[in-house]
Amino acid sequence: LVDSNQYALTVAVAQTGAEVIRLGIVPDEREILKKTISEAIATTDFLLSTGGVSVGDYDYVEDILTELGAEIHIHSVAVKPGKPLTVAKFADTQCIYFGLPGNPVSALVSFWRFVQPALKKLAGVQSAAWGPEFVTARSLQDLHSNGKRETYLWGQLNVGSNGHEFQLARGSHSSGNLINLAGSTGLAVIPLNQTSIAAGELVQVLKISC
């Protein structure tokens, strides 16, 4: 299993201007994980991890956060990819914790949508500039979703003769297909309860860099 998340997120965090301290891979052993989180929240302003925030047998993170005195504000979001998302704050240290999904694409989509704006806000960026940057573009293909979650589809955001255009990336849009995501410059958004956007129609696109 290649540890792509650590390297991809290190670059993404550094691009916001934050100083990155890499803690490496922590095994799915409760006491080791608790010790690592406890030490991290005592020395950092912002703690970011991937994996361990779903409902599997070894997903201990939320229990450990509670034991360490965190107030958990978010457990999951209606977003695809990236449903598992934990957001917590520690009153004693003021450290903010974001727990992202373990799948590589889910982790990056969650970072761009939620973590990047939070880091910018903490850095003091003005309110008009710290939020996600969306543009309206014309889709060059039909876009599809099951409508059960807000869905993000990746591809190329370009400027054509009539404004922005979105070109859907070919191939699988599974949450583990990092190669398919590479080189994308935008995430087209299909809203919750909507199942499609036809070619030629307008779509909101989140600008990204990967």
Foldseek 3Di string as FASTA:
>chain_A
DDPPQQVVVCVVLVVLVDDDDDPDDFDLDVVSVLVVVLVVLQPDQEAEEEDLLDPDPSSCVVVSCVVQAKDWDDQAAQEPPWGGWIWIAHPVRRHIYIYTYHARQNRVVCCLQPVQLVSNVVVPNDPVPSHFDKDKAAEQAKDFDPLAGWYWFWAAWDQDPVGIYGYGQDDDPDSNCVVSRPPTFWIWIDHHNGTIDHGGGMTIIGGDDD
